[in-house]
C-alpha atoms as a PDB file:
ATOM      1  CA  UNK A   1    -100.844-198.879  98.399  1.00  0.00           C
ATOM      2  CA  UNK A   2    -102.132-199.894 101.830  1.00  0.00           C
ATOM      3  CA  UNK A   3    -103.856-203.260 102.150  1.00  0.00           C
ATOM      4  CA  UNK A   4    -107.642-203.375 102.367  1.00  0.00           C
ATOM      5  CA  UNK A   5    -108.818-205.026 105.578  1.00  0.00           C
ATOM      6  CA  UNK A   6    -112.076-206.646 106.608  1.00  0.00           C
ATOM      7  CA  UNK A   7    -112.728-203.516 108.699  1.00  0.00           C
ATOM      8  CA  UNK A   8    -112.511-201.336 105.567  1.00  0.00           C
ATOM      9  CA  UNK A   9    -114.946-203.609 103.716  1.00  0.00           C
ATOM     10  CA  UNK A  10    -117.399-203.723 106.635  1.00  0.00           C
ATOM     11  CA  UNK A  11    -117.392-199.923 106.792  1.00  0.00           C
ATOM     12  CA  UNK A  12    -118.408-199.666 103.123  1.00  0.00           C
ATOM     13  CA  UNK A  13    -121.087-202.364 103.554  1.00  0.00           C
ATOM     14  CA  UNK A  14    -122.523-200.403 106.488  1.00  0.00           C
ATOM     15  CA  UNK A  15    -122.687-197.281 104.300  1.00  0.00           C
ATOM     16  CA  UNK A  16    -124.464-199.229 101.552  1.00  0.00           C
ATOM     17  CA  UNK A  17    -127.006-200.552 104.081  1.00  0.00           C
ATOM     18  CA  UNK A  18    -127.641-197.037 105.415  1.00  0.00           C
ATOM     19  CA  UNK A  19    -128.021-195.470 101.945  1.00  0.00           C
ATOM     20  CA  UNK A  20    -130.492-198.185 100.909  1.00  0.00           C
ATOM     21  CA  UNK A  21    -132.339-198.147 104.264  1.00  0.00           C
ATOM     22  CA  UNK A  22    -131.497-201.829 104.668  1.00  0.00           C
ATOM     23  CA  UNK A  23    -131.002-203.652 107.980  1.00  0.00           C
ATOM     24  CA  UNK A  24    -127.448-203.347 109.298  1.00  0.00           C
ATOM     25  CA  UNK A  25    -127.207-207.008 110.381  1.00  0.00           C
ATOM     26  CA  UNK A  26    -128.016-210.131 108.332  1.00  0.00           C
ATOM     27  CA  UNK A  27    -129.905-211.821 111.164  1.00  0.00           C
ATOM     28  CA  UNK A  28    -131.942-210.816 114.206  1.00  0.00           C
ATOM     29  CA  UNK A  29    -131.714-213.089 117.234  1.00  0.00           C
ATOM     30  CA  UNK A  30    -134.781-213.748 119.353  1.00  0.00           C
ATOM     31  CA  UNK A  31    -133.762-216.149 122.123  1.00  0.00           C
ATOM     32  CA  UNK A  32    -132.369-219.179 120.335  1.00  0.00           C
ATOM     33  CA  UNK A  33    -134.082-218.350 117.037  1.00  0.00           C
ATOM     34  CA  UNK A  34    -132.518-216.355 114.193  1.00  0.00           C
ATOM     35  CA  UNK A  35    -134.573-214.450 111.607  1.00  0.00           C
ATOM     36  CA  UNK A  36    -133.084-213.349 108.293  1.00  0.00           C
ATOM     37  CA  UNK A  37    -133.209-209.579 107.702  1.00  0.00           C
ATOM     38  CA  UNK A  38    -134.307-209.371 104.075  1.00  0.00           C
ATOM     39  CA  UNK A  39    -132.481-206.655 102.146  1.00  0.00           C
ATOM     40  CA  UNK A  40    -129.327-206.678 104.278  1.00  0.00           C
ATOM     41  CA  UNK A  41    -126.009-206.426 102.449  1.00  0.00           C
ATOM     42  CA  UNK A  42    -123.157-208.398 104.023  1.00  0.00           C
ATOM     43  CA  UNK A  43    -119.801-209.971 103.252  1.00  0.00           C
ATOM     44  CA  UNK A  44    -119.139-213.604 102.398  1.00  0.00           C
ATOM     45  CA  UNK A  45    -115.638-215.040 102.736  1.00  0.00           C
ATOM     46  CA  UNK A  46    -114.732-218.222 100.832  1.00  0.00           C
ATOM     47  CA  UNK A  47    -112.165-219.633  98.417  1.00  0.00           C
ATOM     48  CA  UNK A  48    -109.551-217.122  99.616  1.00  0.00           C
ATOM     49  CA  UNK A  49    -111.714-214.176  98.529  1.00  0.00           C
ATOM     50  CA  UNK A  50    -114.720-212.113  99.515  1.00  0.00           C
ATOM     51  CA  UNK A  51    -118.036-211.164  97.918  1.00  0.00           C
ATOM     52  CA  UNK A  52    -120.972-208.869  98.637  1.00  0.00           C
ATOM     53  CA  UNK A  53    -124.258-210.674  99.227  1.00  0.00           C
ATOM     54  CA  UNK A  54    -127.789-209.461  99.851  1.00  0.00           C
ATOM     55  CA  UNK A  55    -130.325-211.361 101.947  1.00  0.00           C
ATOM     56  CA  UNK A  56    -133.274-212.151  99.683  1.00  0.00           C
ATOM     57  CA  UNK A  57    -135.700-214.422 101.549  1.00  0.00           C
ATOM     58  CA  UNK A  58    -136.861-215.322 105.065  1.00  0.00           C
ATOM     59  CA  UNK A  59    -134.965-218.617 104.947  1.00  0.00           C
ATOM     60  CA  UNK A  60    -131.610-216.854 104.697  1.00  0.00           C
ATOM     61  CA  UNK A  61    -131.156-217.190 100.945  1.00  0.00           C
ATOM     62  CA  UNK A  62    -128.792-214.680  99.382  1.00  0.00           C
ATOM     63  CA  UNK A  63    -127.930-213.246  95.998  1.00  0.00           C
ATOM     64  CA  UNK A  64    -124.388-212.351  95.025  1.00  0.00           C
ATOM     65  CA  UNK A  65    -124.564-208.647  94.143  1.00  0.00           C
ATOM     66  CA  UNK A  66    -121.799-208.339  91.530  1.00  0.00           C
ATOM     67  CA  UNK A  67    -122.120-211.858  90.079  1.00  0.00           C
ATOM     68  CA  UNK A  68    -118.351-212.234  89.964  1.00  0.00           C
ATOM     69  CA  UNK A  69    -117.827-214.727  92.764  1.00  0.00           C
ATOM     70  CA  UNK A  70    -115.316-214.257  95.540  1.00  0.00           C
ATOM     71  CA  UNK A  71    -112.611-211.770  94.592  1.00  0.00           C
ATOM     72  CA  UNK A  72    -109.741-209.996  96.334  1.00  0.00           C
ATOM     73  CA  UNK A  73    -110.517-207.491  99.069  1.00  0.00           C
ATOM     74  CA  UNK A  74    -109.165-204.654  96.906  1.00  0.00           C
ATOM     75  CA  UNK A  75    -111.379-205.573  93.943  1.00  0.00           C
ATOM     76  CA  UNK A  76    -114.499-205.851  96.108  1.00  0.00           C
ATOM     77  CA  UNK A  77    -113.658-202.559  97.860  1.00  0.00           C
ATOM     78  CA  UNK A  78    -113.476-200.792  94.486  1.00  0.00           C
ATOM     79  CA  UNK A  79    -116.711-202.396  93.241  1.00  0.00           C
ATOM     80  CA  UNK A  80    -118.584-201.479  96.431  1.00  0.00           C
ATOM     81  CA  UNK A  81    -117.414-197.865  96.194  1.00  0.00           C
ATOM     82  CA  UNK A  82    -118.674-197.744  92.600  1.00  0.00           C
ATOM     83  CA  UNK A  83    -122.048-199.130  93.762  1.00  0.00           C
ATOM     84  CA  UNK A  84    -122.177-196.603  96.585  1.00  0.00           C
ATOM     85  CA  UNK A  85    -121.407-193.728  94.198  1.00  0.00           C
ATOM     86  CA  UNK A  86    -124.213-194.890  91.893  1.00  0.00           C
ATOM     87  CA  UNK A  87    -126.682-195.169  94.783  1.00  0.00           C
ATOM     88  CA  UNK A  88    -125.808-191.684  96.030  1.00  0.00           C
ATOM     89  CA  UNK A  89    -126.077-190.239  92.518  1.00  0.00           C
ATOM     90  CA  UNK A  90    -129.507-191.823  92.053  1.00  0.00           C
ATOM     91  CA  UNK A  91    -130.652-190.338  95.349  1.00  0.00           C
ATOM     92  CA  UNK A  92    -129.417-186.859  94.438  1.00  0.00           C
ATOM     93  CA  UNK A  93    -131.149-187.005  91.040  1.00  0.00           C
ATOM     94  CA  UNK A  94    -134.399-188.173  92.658  1.00  0.00           C
ATOM     95  CA  UNK A  95    -134.314-185.334  95.204  1.00  0.00           C
END
């Protein structure tokens, strides 16, 4: 089994942002000021693991999507693909 890289994870996060019509970047820079892009999904790396977070307020506050903390890249990759499959299924049912 090939290792999951940060590039693989970022690719899935980008797909999730596109499917949910969310901003692709967590922050927008205007000169020396940064503004949080509410709704953006992005990765957080800490404690030797990674998690999926979503920007939830203008101050840059986030919520941890899966509520499992920082996990291995493989585990997060699998969870994000499950989320993506659910999002795409919901869209096809709504259409």
